[in-house]
């Protein structure tokens, strides 16, 4: 009986670690993808960058909404701020909302389309 109880506790902890680890892995994937999008998106406008980041989030099943994502261009500097809440079931049938947020920025060497004069 004691061994079964230890096994149940071990399985519950393993389940929580796997589910939490999966959510954190997705967070880091999105943050890295946002950084890469900024670094290599110097010819894209802020709205195009936002659309690219949202499509990446959708592809990796991150519940990022457009109102939780801000992309700003300030000359050669680009900044992305993202906040989202992901519901994780650390223990079966007990959902727990976890809030994730990050800020990434990049400075481009080239010229962005937002800083070009309008014709």
Protein backbone atom coordinates (compact mmCIF):
# COMPACT_ATOMS: atom_id res chain seq x y z
CA UNK A 1 0.00 0.00 0.00
CA UNK A 2 2.85 2.37 0.86
CA UNK A 3 4.54 1.68 -2.46
CA UNK A 4 1.34 2.39 -4.41
CA UNK A 5 0.94 5.74 -2.64
CA UNK A 6 4.54 6.67 -3.49
CA UNK A 7 3.94 5.68 -7.11
CA UNK A 8 0.77 7.81 -7.34
CA UNK A 9 2.61 10.81 -5.91
CA UNK A 10 5.53 10.27 -8.29
CA UNK A 11 3.20 10.04 -11.30
CA UNK A 12 1.34 13.21 -10.21
CA UNK A 13 4.63 15.11 -9.87
CA UNK A 14 5.89 13.82 -13.20
CA UNK A 15 2.62 14.90 -14.85
CA UNK A 16 2.96 18.40 -13.37
CA UNK A 17 6.57 18.67 -14.51
CA UNK A 18 5.78 17.58 -18.05
CA UNK A 19 2.79 19.91 -18.44
CA UNK A 20 4.60 22.86 -16.90
CA UNK A 21 7.75 22.14 -18.89
CA UNK A 22 5.75 22.04 -22.12
CA UNK A 23 4.26 25.47 -21.39
CA UNK A 24 7.67 26.93 -20.54
CA UNK A 25 9.19 25.37 -23.67
CA UNK A 26 6.50 27.04 -25.81
CA UNK A 27 7.19 30.36 -24.05
CA UNK A 28 10.90 30.21 -24.88
CA UNK A 29 10.16 29.15 -28.47
CA UNK A 30 7.88 32.17 -28.93
CA UNK A 31 10.34 34.57 -27.29
CA UNK A 32 13.20 33.33 -29.47
CA UNK A 33 11.03 33.47 -32.60
CA UNK A 34 10.03 37.06 -31.77
CA UNK A 35 13.69 37.98 -31.36
CA UNK A 36 14.58 36.37 -34.70
CA UNK A 37 11.66 38.09 -36.41
CA UNK A 38 12.93 41.46 -35.20
CA UNK A 39 16.52 40.76 -36.18
CA UNK A 40 15.72 39.65 -39.71
CA UNK A 41 12.62 41.77 -40.31
CA UNK A 42 14.26 45.13 -40.93
CA UNK A 43 12.37 45.57 -44.20
CA UNK A 44 9.00 44.78 -42.57
CA UNK A 45 6.64 47.27 -40.96
CA UNK A 46 5.54 46.98 -37.34
CA UNK A 47 2.14 45.59 -38.35
CA UNK A 48 3.80 42.95 -40.56
CA UNK A 49 6.09 41.93 -37.70
CA UNK A 50 3.08 41.67 -35.39
CA UNK A 51 1.27 39.44 -37.89
CA UNK A 52 4.34 37.20 -38.23
CA UNK A 53 4.71 36.80 -34.46
CA UNK A 54 1.01 36.04 -34.05
CA UNK A 55 1.20 33.37 -36.76
CA UNK A 56 4.22 31.80 -35.03
CA UNK A 57 2.31 31.79 -31.74
CA UNK A 58 -0.63 30.08 -33.41
CA UNK A 59 1.66 27.47 -34.98
CA UNK A 60 3.17 26.48 -31.62
CA UNK A 61 -0.20 26.60 -29.77
CA UNK A 62 0.50 29.65 -27.62
CA UNK A 63 -2.70 31.56 -26.72
CA UNK A 64 -1.30 34.98 -27.64
CA UNK A 65 -3.97 37.47 -28.67
CA UNK A 66 -3.37 40.62 -30.76
CA UNK A 67 -4.21 42.86 -27.78
CA UNK A 68 -1.45 41.14 -25.78
CA UNK A 69 1.22 41.92 -28.38
CA UNK A 70 2.82 45.30 -29.02
CA UNK A 71 5.42 45.95 -31.71
CA UNK A 72 7.13 49.35 -31.79
CA UNK A 73 9.71 50.82 -34.12
CA UNK A 74 11.83 53.70 -32.82
CA UNK A 75 14.26 54.55 -35.56
CA UNK A 76 16.58 51.58 -35.92
CA UNK A 77 15.38 49.98 -32.67
CA UNK A 78 12.45 47.56 -32.64
CA UNK A 79 10.70 46.39 -29.46
CA UNK A 80 8.20 43.58 -28.93
CA UNK A 81 6.18 43.27 -25.72
CA UNK A 82 3.97 40.23 -25.28
CA UNK A 83 1.72 39.02 -22.46
CA UNK A 84 -0.53 36.00 -22.43
CA UNK A 85 -2.18 33.63 -19.98
CA UNK A 86 -1.99 29.90 -20.52
CA UNK A 87 -4.12 27.47 -18.55
CA UNK A 88 -2.11 24.47 -17.38
CA UNK A 89 -3.49 21.37 -15.69
CA UNK A 90 -0.68 20.56 -13.29
CA UNK A 91 -3.00 18.04 -11.68
CA UNK A 92 -5.76 16.44 -13.80
CA UNK A 93 -9.06 18.39 -13.78
CA UNK A 94 -7.49 21.31 -11.86
CA UNK A 95 -6.66 24.04 -14.38
CA UNK A 96 -4.30 26.75 -13.20
CA UNK A 97 -3.79 29.98 -15.20
CA UNK A 98 -0.14 30.98 -15.61
CA UNK A 99 0.77 34.39 -17.00
CA UNK A 100 3.76 34.67 -19.32
CA UNK A 101 5.27 37.91 -20.58
CA UNK A 102 8.45 39.04 -22.29
CA UNK A 103 10.09 42.04 -23.89
CA UNK A 104 12.63 41.62 -26.69
CA UNK A 105 14.35 44.30 -28.68
CA UNK A 106 16.75 44.52 -31.58
CA UNK A 107 18.74 47.24 -33.26
CA UNK A 108 18.94 46.97 -37.03
CA UNK A 109 21.85 48.08 -39.13
CA UNK A 110 19.68 48.57 -42.21
CA UNK A 111 16.86 51.01 -42.74
CA UNK A 112 13.34 50.05 -41.72
CA UNK A 113 10.34 50.92 -43.88
CA UNK A 114 8.80 52.90 -40.98
CA UNK A 115 11.71 55.37 -40.96
CA UNK A 116 11.64 56.00 -44.73
CA UNK A 117 9.98 59.22 -45.92
CA UNK A 118 6.47 58.73 -47.36
CA UNK A 119 6.03 59.40 -51.07
